[in-house]
Amino acid sequence: MIDIKKKLQDEITILEHELHVELPKEILKARAHGDLSENAEYHAAKDRQGFVNARLGQLRKRLAEVSMIDFTKIPRDRAGLGSIVVVLDTGRDEEMTYHLVTTEEADAANGRVSTTSPIGRALLGKKVGDEVKVMSPGGVKELEILKVTTIHEVVE
């Protein structure tokens, strides 16, 4: 979780520099070219300024949300944020491992699924022996929980 905060803060720092240092220079330079109504450089810089402002708002909001995660409320006996869950896809008789992570850390190709994804939501709160059904592009997957390693066990 500390990595997520650092990643968000790093992006905020980069965008703040762009917003307060680089973009004002670009806008000033574009203004020097004269007529603003037909000045593509000026309009591009102003558009970028609007985008950067909006993105900064999103990042600050997400950083605040991540900072409020109370690790003491993440269950110790069930799948939750940070858990590694081993499941059996009963339809394909195949074992798979999922690591439940935040949206920023998600990487489905490497088994890191967001807790907001269909699989992540289905696994949250489940324990060994539970069975879940997940709607996927290929149809409904039936998964049986074989093992749950919570964030408390992973960190400790």
N, C-alpha and C. Protein backbone atom coordinates (compact mmCIF):
# COMPACT_ATOMS: atom_id res chain seq x y z
N MET A 1 0.82 -1.21 0.00
CA MET A 1 0.00 0.00 0.00
C MET A 1 0.86 1.27 0.00
N ILE A 2 2.02 1.18 0.61
CA ILE A 2 2.91 2.34 0.64
C ILE A 2 3.35 2.65 -0.80
N ASP A 3 3.56 1.59 -1.60
CA ASP A 3 3.96 1.79 -3.00
C ASP A 3 2.89 2.58 -3.76
N ILE A 4 1.63 2.30 -3.49
CA ILE A 4 0.54 2.99 -4.18
C ILE A 4 0.58 4.47 -3.83
N LYS A 5 0.73 4.77 -2.54
CA LYS A 5 0.79 6.16 -2.11
C LYS A 5 1.95 6.88 -2.79
N LYS A 6 3.10 6.22 -2.85
CA LYS A 6 4.28 6.82 -3.47
C LYS A 6 4.03 7.04 -4.96
N LYS A 7 3.44 6.06 -5.62
CA LYS A 7 3.16 6.18 -7.05
C LYS A 7 2.22 7.35 -7.32
N LEU A 8 1.17 7.46 -6.52
CA LEU A 8 0.22 8.56 -6.68
C LEU A 8 0.90 9.91 -6.41
N GLN A 9 1.67 9.97 -5.32
CA GLN A 9 2.35 11.22 -4.96
C GLN A 9 3.36 11.62 -6.02
N ASP A 10 4.07 10.64 -6.59
CA ASP A 10 5.04 10.94 -7.64
C ASP A 10 4.36 11.55 -8.86
N GLU A 11 3.21 10.96 -9.25
CA GLU A 11 2.49 11.50 -10.41
C GLU A 11 1.96 12.90 -10.11
N ILE A 12 1.49 13.11 -8.89
CA ILE A 12 1.01 14.45 -8.49
C ILE A 12 2.15 15.47 -8.59
N THR A 13 3.32 15.10 -8.10
CA THR A 13 4.48 16.00 -8.14
C THR A 13 4.84 16.37 -9.58
N ILE A 14 4.87 15.39 -10.46
CA ILE A 14 5.22 15.62 -11.86
C ILE A 14 4.19 16.56 -12.51
N LEU A 15 2.89 16.26 -12.28
CA LEU A 15 1.85 17.08 -12.89
C LEU A 15 1.81 18.49 -12.32
N GLU A 16 2.07 18.64 -11.02
CA GLU A 16 2.11 19.98 -10.42
C GLU A 16 3.24 20.80 -11.04
N HIS A 17 4.38 20.16 -11.28
CA HIS A 17 5.50 20.86 -11.92
C HIS A 17 5.09 21.30 -13.32
N GLU A 18 4.46 20.39 -14.06
CA GLU A 18 4.01 20.74 -15.41
C GLU A 18 3.02 21.89 -15.38
N LEU A 19 2.06 21.83 -14.44
CA LEU A 19 1.01 22.83 -14.35
C LEU A 19 1.55 24.20 -13.95
N HIS A 20 2.47 24.22 -13.00
CA HIS A 20 2.93 25.50 -12.45
C HIS A 20 4.22 26.05 -13.07
N VAL A 21 4.97 25.20 -13.80
CA VAL A 21 6.23 25.66 -14.36
C VAL A 21 6.23 25.59 -15.89
N GLU A 22 6.01 24.39 -16.43
CA GLU A 22 6.13 24.20 -17.88
C GLU A 22 4.99 24.83 -18.68
N LEU A 23 3.75 24.57 -18.28
CA LEU A 23 2.62 25.08 -19.04
C LEU A 23 2.54 26.62 -19.06
N PRO A 24 2.79 27.29 -17.95
CA PRO A 24 2.78 28.77 -18.04
C PRO A 24 3.81 29.31 -19.04
N LYS A 25 4.98 28.64 -19.11
CA LYS A 25 5.99 29.07 -20.09
C LYS A 25 5.47 28.86 -21.52
N GLU A 26 4.85 27.70 -21.77
CA GLU A 26 4.31 27.41 -23.10
C GLU A 26 3.21 28.40 -23.48
N ILE A 27 2.34 28.71 -22.53
CA ILE A 27 1.25 29.65 -22.80
C ILE A 27 1.80 31.05 -23.08
N LEU A 28 2.78 31.47 -22.30
CA LEU A 28 3.40 32.78 -22.50
C LEU A 28 4.08 32.85 -23.88
N LYS A 29 4.79 31.78 -24.23
CA LYS A 29 5.47 31.72 -25.52
C LYS A 29 4.44 31.76 -26.67
N ALA A 30 3.35 31.01 -26.52
CA ALA A 30 2.31 30.97 -27.56
C ALA A 30 1.62 32.32 -27.69
N ARG A 31 1.42 33.01 -26.56
CA ARG A 31 0.79 34.35 -26.59
C ARG A 31 1.63 35.34 -27.38
N ALA A 32 2.94 35.14 -27.31
CA ALA A 32 3.85 36.06 -27.99
C ALA A 32 3.72 35.97 -29.51
N HIS A 33 3.11 34.90 -30.00
CA HIS A 33 2.93 34.72 -31.44
C HIS A 33 1.78 35.58 -31.99
N GLY A 34 1.05 36.23 -31.11
CA GLY A 34 -0.01 37.14 -31.59
C GLY A 34 -1.40 36.58 -31.41
N ASP A 35 -2.24 36.78 -32.42
CA ASP A 35 -3.66 36.44 -32.43
C ASP A 35 -3.94 35.08 -31.80
N LEU A 36 -4.61 35.08 -30.64
CA LEU A 36 -4.89 33.85 -29.91
C LEU A 36 -6.01 33.03 -30.54
N SER A 37 -6.89 33.66 -31.31
CA SER A 37 -8.03 32.94 -31.87
C SER A 37 -7.60 31.86 -32.86
N GLU A 38 -6.46 32.05 -33.51
CA GLU A 38 -6.00 31.06 -34.49
C GLU A 38 -4.64 30.48 -34.09
N ASN A 39 -4.33 30.52 -32.81
CA ASN A 39 -3.03 30.08 -32.32
C ASN A 39 -3.15 28.65 -31.78
N ALA A 40 -2.75 27.67 -32.57
CA ALA A 40 -2.87 26.26 -32.20
C ALA A 40 -2.04 25.92 -30.96
N GLU A 41 -0.83 26.48 -30.87
CA GLU A 41 0.03 26.22 -29.71
C GLU A 41 -0.64 26.68 -28.42
N TYR A 42 -1.24 27.85 -28.47
CA TYR A 42 -1.93 28.39 -27.30
C TYR A 42 -3.08 27.49 -26.88
N HIS A 43 -3.92 27.10 -27.85
CA HIS A 43 -5.08 26.27 -27.54
C HIS A 43 -4.67 24.88 -27.04
N ALA A 44 -3.60 24.33 -27.59
CA ALA A 44 -3.10 23.04 -27.14
C ALA A 44 -2.61 23.13 -25.70
N ALA A 45 -1.89 24.20 -25.39
CA ALA A 45 -1.38 24.39 -24.02
C ALA A 45 -2.53 24.59 -23.03
N LYS A 46 -3.55 25.36 -23.43
CA LYS A 46 -4.70 25.58 -22.55
C LYS A 46 -5.48 24.28 -22.34
N ASP A 47 -5.62 23.48 -23.42
CA ASP A 47 -6.29 22.17 -23.29
C ASP A 47 -5.52 21.27 -22.35
N ARG A 48 -4.21 21.24 -22.49
CA ARG A 48 -3.36 20.41 -21.63
C ARG A 48 -3.47 20.89 -20.18
N GLN A 49 -3.54 22.18 -19.99
CA GLN A 49 -3.69 22.75 -18.65
C GLN A 49 -4.98 22.25 -18.00
N GLY A 50 -6.06 22.23 -18.77
CA GLY A 50 -7.33 21.72 -18.26
C GLY A 50 -7.26 20.26 -17.91
N PHE A 51 -6.62 19.47 -18.78
CA PHE A 51 -6.46 18.03 -18.51
C PHE A 51 -5.64 17.79 -17.25
N VAL A 52 -4.51 18.50 -17.13
CA VAL A 52 -3.63 18.32 -15.97
C VAL A 52 -4.37 18.69 -14.69
N ASN A 53 -5.12 19.78 -14.71
CA ASN A 53 -5.91 20.17 -13.53
C ASN A 53 -6.90 19.07 -13.13
N ALA A 54 -7.61 18.52 -14.12
CA ALA A 54 -8.59 17.46 -13.84
C ALA A 54 -7.90 16.22 -13.29
N ARG A 55 -6.79 15.83 -13.88
CA ARG A 55 -6.05 14.64 -13.44
C ARG A 55 -5.52 14.83 -12.03
N LEU A 56 -5.04 16.02 -11.72
CA LEU A 56 -4.57 16.30 -10.35
C LEU A 56 -5.70 16.11 -9.34
N GLY A 57 -6.88 16.57 -9.70
CA GLY A 57 -8.03 16.40 -8.81
C GLY A 57 -8.33 14.93 -8.56
N GLN A 58 -8.28 14.13 -9.62
CA GLN A 58 -8.53 12.68 -9.49
C GLN A 58 -7.47 12.03 -8.60
N LEU A 59 -6.22 12.38 -8.84
CA LEU A 59 -5.12 11.77 -8.08
C LEU A 59 -5.18 12.14 -6.60
N ARG A 60 -5.47 13.39 -6.32
CA ARG A 60 -5.55 13.83 -4.91
C ARG A 60 -6.69 13.11 -4.19
N LYS A 61 -7.81 12.96 -4.89
CA LYS A 61 -8.96 12.25 -4.31
C LYS A 61 -8.59 10.79 -4.03
N ARG A 62 -7.94 10.14 -4.99
CA ARG A 62 -7.56 8.73 -4.83
C ARG A 62 -6.53 8.58 -3.72
N LEU A 63 -5.59 9.50 -3.62
CA LEU A 63 -4.59 9.45 -2.55
C LEU A 63 -5.27 9.57 -1.19
N ALA A 64 -6.25 10.43 -1.08
CA ALA A 64 -6.99 10.58 0.17
C ALA A 64 -7.73 9.28 0.51
N GLU A 65 -8.33 8.65 -0.50
CA GLU A 65 -9.05 7.39 -0.28
C GLU A 65 -8.10 6.29 0.19
N VAL A 66 -6.97 6.17 -0.49
CA VAL A 66 -5.99 5.13 -0.15
C VAL A 66 -5.43 5.38 1.25
N SER A 67 -5.23 6.63 1.60
CA SER A 67 -4.68 6.97 2.92
C SER A 67 -5.63 6.61 4.05
N MET A 68 -6.91 6.50 3.73
CA MET A 68 -7.91 6.20 4.77
C MET A 68 -8.15 4.71 4.96
N ILE A 69 -7.45 3.84 4.23
CA ILE A 69 -7.65 2.40 4.40
C ILE A 69 -7.19 2.01 5.79
N ASP A 70 -8.08 1.36 6.51
CA ASP A 70 -7.80 0.92 7.88
C ASP A 70 -7.45 -0.57 7.83
N PHE A 71 -6.15 -0.87 7.94
CA PHE A 71 -5.70 -2.25 7.81
C PHE A 71 -6.22 -3.14 8.94
N THR A 72 -6.59 -2.54 10.05
CA THR A 72 -7.12 -3.36 11.16
C THR A 72 -8.51 -3.89 10.83
N LYS A 73 -9.18 -3.27 9.85
CA LYS A 73 -10.52 -3.73 9.48
C LYS A 73 -10.50 -4.77 8.35
N ILE A 74 -9.33 -5.03 7.79
CA ILE A 74 -9.22 -6.07 6.76
C ILE A 74 -9.24 -7.41 7.49
N PRO A 75 -10.16 -8.32 7.10
CA PRO A 75 -10.31 -9.58 7.83
C PRO A 75 -9.04 -10.43 7.82
N ARG A 76 -8.90 -11.21 8.90
CA ARG A 76 -7.74 -12.10 9.03
C ARG A 76 -8.09 -13.53 8.60
N ASP A 77 -9.38 -13.81 8.44
CA ASP A 77 -9.79 -15.19 8.15
C ASP A 77 -10.51 -15.33 6.81
N ARG A 78 -10.60 -14.23 6.07
CA ARG A 78 -11.30 -14.22 4.79
C ARG A 78 -10.52 -13.38 3.79
N ALA A 79 -10.84 -13.56 2.53
CA ALA A 79 -10.17 -12.79 1.48
C ALA A 79 -10.53 -11.31 1.59
N GLY A 80 -9.53 -10.48 1.51
CA GLY A 80 -9.71 -9.03 1.55
C GLY A 80 -8.59 -8.38 0.76
N LEU A 81 -8.53 -7.07 0.79
CA LEU A 81 -7.48 -6.35 0.10
C LEU A 81 -6.12 -6.90 0.50
N GLY A 82 -5.28 -7.21 -0.47
CA GLY A 82 -3.94 -7.72 -0.20
C GLY A 82 -3.86 -9.23 -0.09
N SER A 83 -5.00 -9.91 -0.06
CA SER A 83 -5.00 -11.37 0.06
C SER A 83 -4.53 -12.04 -1.23
N ILE A 84 -3.94 -13.20 -1.04
CA ILE A 84 -3.61 -14.08 -2.17
C ILE A 84 -4.57 -15.26 -2.05
N VAL A 85 -5.36 -15.46 -3.12
CA VAL A 85 -6.41 -16.47 -3.10
C VAL A 85 -6.14 -17.50 -4.18
N VAL A 86 -6.06 -18.76 -3.77
CA VAL A 86 -5.90 -19.86 -4.72
C VAL A 86 -7.29 -20.47 -4.93
N VAL A 87 -7.70 -20.56 -6.19
CA VAL A 87 -9.02 -21.08 -6.51
C VAL A 87 -8.91 -22.23 -7.51
N LEU A 88 -9.95 -23.03 -7.55
CA LEU A 88 -10.07 -24.08 -8.56
C LEU A 88 -11.21 -23.68 -9.48
N ASP A 89 -10.89 -23.51 -10.76
CA ASP A 89 -11.93 -23.25 -11.76
C ASP A 89 -12.55 -24.61 -12.04
N THR A 90 -13.71 -24.87 -11.46
CA THR A 90 -14.32 -26.21 -11.54
C THR A 90 -14.71 -26.59 -12.96
N GLY A 91 -15.01 -25.63 -13.79
CA GLY A 91 -15.37 -25.91 -15.18
C GLY A 91 -14.19 -26.39 -16.01
N ARG A 92 -13.00 -25.88 -15.68
CA ARG A 92 -11.80 -26.23 -16.45
C ARG A 92 -10.85 -27.12 -15.65
N ASP A 93 -11.20 -27.41 -14.40
CA ASP A 93 -10.37 -28.21 -13.50
C ASP A 93 -8.94 -27.65 -13.48
N GLU A 94 -8.86 -26.33 -13.26
CA GLU A 94 -7.58 -25.63 -13.30
C GLU A 94 -7.44 -24.74 -12.06
N GLU A 95 -6.28 -24.84 -11.42
CA GLU A 95 -6.00 -23.98 -10.26
C GLU A 95 -5.45 -22.65 -10.74
N MET A 96 -5.90 -21.58 -10.10
CA MET A 96 -5.40 -20.25 -10.42
C MET A 96 -5.19 -19.49 -9.11
N THR A 97 -4.25 -18.56 -9.16
CA THR A 97 -3.94 -17.74 -7.99
C THR A 97 -4.21 -16.29 -8.33
N TYR A 98 -4.95 -15.63 -7.43
CA TYR A 98 -5.25 -14.20 -7.60
C TYR A 98 -4.74 -13.44 -6.39
N HIS A 99 -4.14 -12.30 -6.65
CA HIS A 99 -3.72 -11.39 -5.58
C HIS A 99 -4.68 -10.21 -5.65
N LEU A 100 -5.44 -9.97 -4.59
CA LEU A 100 -6.43 -8.90 -4.56
C LEU A 100 -5.74 -7.58 -4.22
N VAL A 101 -5.80 -6.64 -5.16
CA VAL A 101 -5.06 -5.39 -5.03
C VAL A 101 -5.96 -4.20 -5.34
N THR A 102 -5.42 -3.00 -5.18
CA THR A 102 -6.15 -1.79 -5.54
C THR A 102 -6.14 -1.62 -7.06
N THR A 103 -6.95 -0.73 -7.54
CA THR A 103 -7.04 -0.47 -8.97
C THR A 103 -5.69 -0.11 -9.57
N GLU A 104 -4.90 0.69 -8.86
CA GLU A 104 -3.60 1.14 -9.37
C GLU A 104 -2.61 -0.01 -9.54
N GLU A 105 -2.75 -1.06 -8.74
CA GLU A 105 -1.80 -2.17 -8.78
C GLU A 105 -2.25 -3.31 -9.69
N ALA A 106 -3.46 -3.23 -10.20
CA ALA A 106 -4.02 -4.34 -10.98
C ALA A 106 -3.17 -4.66 -12.21
N ASP A 107 -2.99 -5.95 -12.43
CA ASP A 107 -2.26 -6.47 -13.60
C ASP A 107 -2.79 -7.89 -13.80
N ALA A 108 -3.92 -8.00 -14.48
CA ALA A 108 -4.61 -9.29 -14.63
C ALA A 108 -3.72 -10.37 -15.23
N ALA A 109 -2.87 -10.00 -16.16
CA ALA A 109 -1.99 -10.99 -16.80
C ALA A 109 -1.07 -11.67 -15.80
N ASN A 110 -0.79 -10.98 -14.70
CA ASN A 110 0.08 -11.53 -13.66
C ASN A 110 -0.70 -11.93 -12.40
N GLY A 111 -2.02 -12.09 -12.52
CA GLY A 111 -2.83 -12.56 -11.40
C GLY A 111 -3.15 -11.50 -10.36
N ARG A 112 -2.86 -10.25 -10.64
CA ARG A 112 -3.15 -9.17 -9.69
C ARG A 112 -4.46 -8.53 -10.12
N VAL A 113 -5.55 -8.86 -9.41
CA VAL A 113 -6.87 -8.35 -9.79
C VAL A 113 -7.35 -7.33 -8.78
N SER A 114 -7.97 -6.30 -9.30
CA SER A 114 -8.51 -5.24 -8.46
C SER A 114 -9.70 -5.77 -7.66
N THR A 115 -9.84 -5.25 -6.46
CA THR A 115 -10.99 -5.63 -5.62
C THR A 115 -12.28 -5.09 -6.20
N THR A 116 -12.18 -4.22 -7.21
CA THR A 116 -13.39 -3.69 -7.85
C THR A 116 -13.73 -4.44 -9.14
N SER A 117 -12.87 -5.37 -9.56
CA SER A 117 -13.13 -6.16 -10.77
C SER A 117 -14.16 -7.25 -10.44
N PRO A 118 -14.79 -7.85 -11.44
CA PRO A 118 -15.76 -8.91 -11.16
C PRO A 118 -15.18 -10.05 -10.32
N ILE A 119 -13.99 -10.51 -10.66
CA ILE A 119 -13.38 -11.60 -9.88
C ILE A 119 -13.03 -11.12 -8.49
N GLY A 120 -12.44 -9.94 -8.39
CA GLY A 120 -12.08 -9.38 -7.09
C GLY A 120 -13.28 -9.23 -6.17
N ARG A 121 -14.37 -8.67 -6.71
CA ARG A 121 -15.59 -8.50 -5.90
C ARG A 121 -16.15 -9.85 -5.46
N ALA A 122 -16.09 -10.84 -6.34
CA ALA A 122 -16.63 -12.17 -6.01
C ALA A 122 -15.81 -12.84 -4.90
N LEU A 123 -14.50 -12.59 -4.87
CA LEU A 123 -13.64 -13.25 -3.89
C LEU A 123 -13.62 -12.55 -2.53
N LEU A 124 -13.92 -11.26 -2.49
CA LEU A 124 -13.89 -10.52 -1.22
C LEU A 124 -14.81 -11.16 -0.19
N GLY A 125 -14.27 -11.35 1.00
CA GLY A 125 -15.08 -11.87 2.10
C GLY A 125 -15.25 -13.38 2.10
N LYS A 126 -14.65 -14.06 1.13
CA LYS A 126 -14.80 -15.52 1.05
C LYS A 126 -13.69 -16.21 1.82
N LYS A 127 -13.99 -17.47 2.23
CA LYS A 127 -13.00 -18.27 2.96
C LYS A 127 -12.83 -19.62 2.27
N VAL A 128 -11.88 -20.40 2.72
CA VAL A 128 -11.60 -21.70 2.13
C VAL A 128 -12.86 -22.55 2.14
N GLY A 129 -13.14 -23.17 1.00
CA GLY A 129 -14.32 -24.02 0.86
C GLY A 129 -15.50 -23.33 0.21
N ASP A 130 -15.50 -22.00 0.23
CA ASP A 130 -16.59 -21.26 -0.42
C ASP A 130 -16.51 -21.44 -1.93
N GLU A 131 -17.67 -21.37 -2.56
CA GLU A 131 -17.74 -21.41 -4.01
C GLU A 131 -18.37 -20.12 -4.51
N VAL A 132 -17.83 -19.57 -5.60
CA VAL A 132 -18.35 -18.33 -6.16
C VAL A 132 -18.56 -18.50 -7.66
N LYS A 133 -19.49 -17.74 -8.17
CA LYS A 133 -19.72 -17.69 -9.61
C LYS A 133 -19.37 -16.28 -10.08
N VAL A 134 -18.61 -16.23 -11.17
CA VAL A 134 -18.16 -14.95 -11.70
C VAL A 134 -18.52 -14.87 -13.17
N MET A 135 -19.16 -13.78 -13.55
CA MET A 135 -19.48 -13.56 -14.96
C MET A 135 -18.22 -13.05 -15.65
N SER A 136 -17.80 -13.76 -16.69
CA SER A 136 -16.62 -13.35 -17.45
C SER A 136 -16.99 -13.30 -18.93
N PRO A 137 -16.13 -12.72 -19.75
CA PRO A 137 -16.45 -12.65 -21.19
C PRO A 137 -16.73 -14.03 -21.80
N GLY A 138 -16.11 -15.07 -21.24
CA GLY A 138 -16.32 -16.41 -21.76
C GLY A 138 -17.50 -17.13 -21.14
N GLY A 139 -18.27 -16.44 -20.32
CA GLY A 139 -19.41 -17.06 -19.63
C GLY A 139 -19.20 -17.07 -18.13
N VAL A 140 -20.01 -17.83 -17.44
CA VAL A 140 -19.94 -17.88 -15.98
C VAL A 140 -18.84 -18.84 -15.55
N LYS A 141 -17.94 -18.35 -14.68
CA LYS A 141 -16.89 -19.19 -14.11
C LYS A 141 -17.33 -19.61 -12.72
N GLU A 142 -17.15 -20.87 -12.41
CA GLU A 142 -17.42 -21.35 -11.06
C GLU A 142 -16.08 -21.63 -10.40
N LEU A 143 -15.83 -20.95 -9.29
CA LEU A 143 -14.56 -21.05 -8.60
C LEU A 143 -14.75 -21.57 -7.18
N GLU A 144 -13.89 -22.47 -6.76
CA GLU A 144 -13.90 -22.96 -5.38
C GLU A 144 -12.64 -22.43 -4.71
N ILE A 145 -12.80 -21.84 -3.53
CA ILE A 145 -11.67 -21.27 -2.80
C ILE A 145 -10.89 -22.40 -2.14
N LEU A 146 -9.61 -22.54 -2.53
CA LEU A 146 -8.77 -23.59 -1.96
C LEU A 146 -7.88 -23.08 -0.83
N LYS A 147 -7.39 -21.84 -0.97
CA LYS A 147 -6.47 -21.29 0.04
C LYS A 147 -6.58 -19.77 0.04
N VAL A 148 -6.53 -19.20 1.23
CA VAL A 148 -6.53 -17.74 1.38
C VAL A 148 -5.37 -17.35 2.29
N THR A 149 -4.52 -16.48 1.77
CA THR A 149 -3.44 -15.91 2.57
C THR A 149 -3.74 -14.42 2.65
N THR A 150 -4.06 -13.94 3.86
CA THR A 150 -4.47 -12.54 3.99
C THR A 150 -3.25 -11.61 3.99
N ILE A 151 -3.53 -10.32 3.87
CA ILE A 151 -2.46 -9.30 3.88
C ILE A 151 -1.68 -9.36 5.19
N HIS A 152 -2.34 -9.77 6.26
CA HIS A 152 -1.67 -9.84 7.56
C HIS A 152 -0.59 -10.94 7.55
N GLU A 153 -0.89 -12.04 6.87
CA GLU A 153 0.07 -13.14 6.77
C GLU A 153 1.16 -12.82 5.75
N VAL A 154 0.80 -12.12 4.69
CA VAL A 154 1.75 -11.78 3.64
C VAL A 154 2.78 -10.80 4.18
N VAL A 155 2.32 -9.80 4.95
CA VAL A 155 3.19 -8.74 5.47
C VAL A 155 4.05 -9.26 6.63
N GLU A 156 3.45 -10.08 7.48
CA GLU A 156 4.16 -10.52 8.69
C GLU A 156 5.29 -11.47 8.41
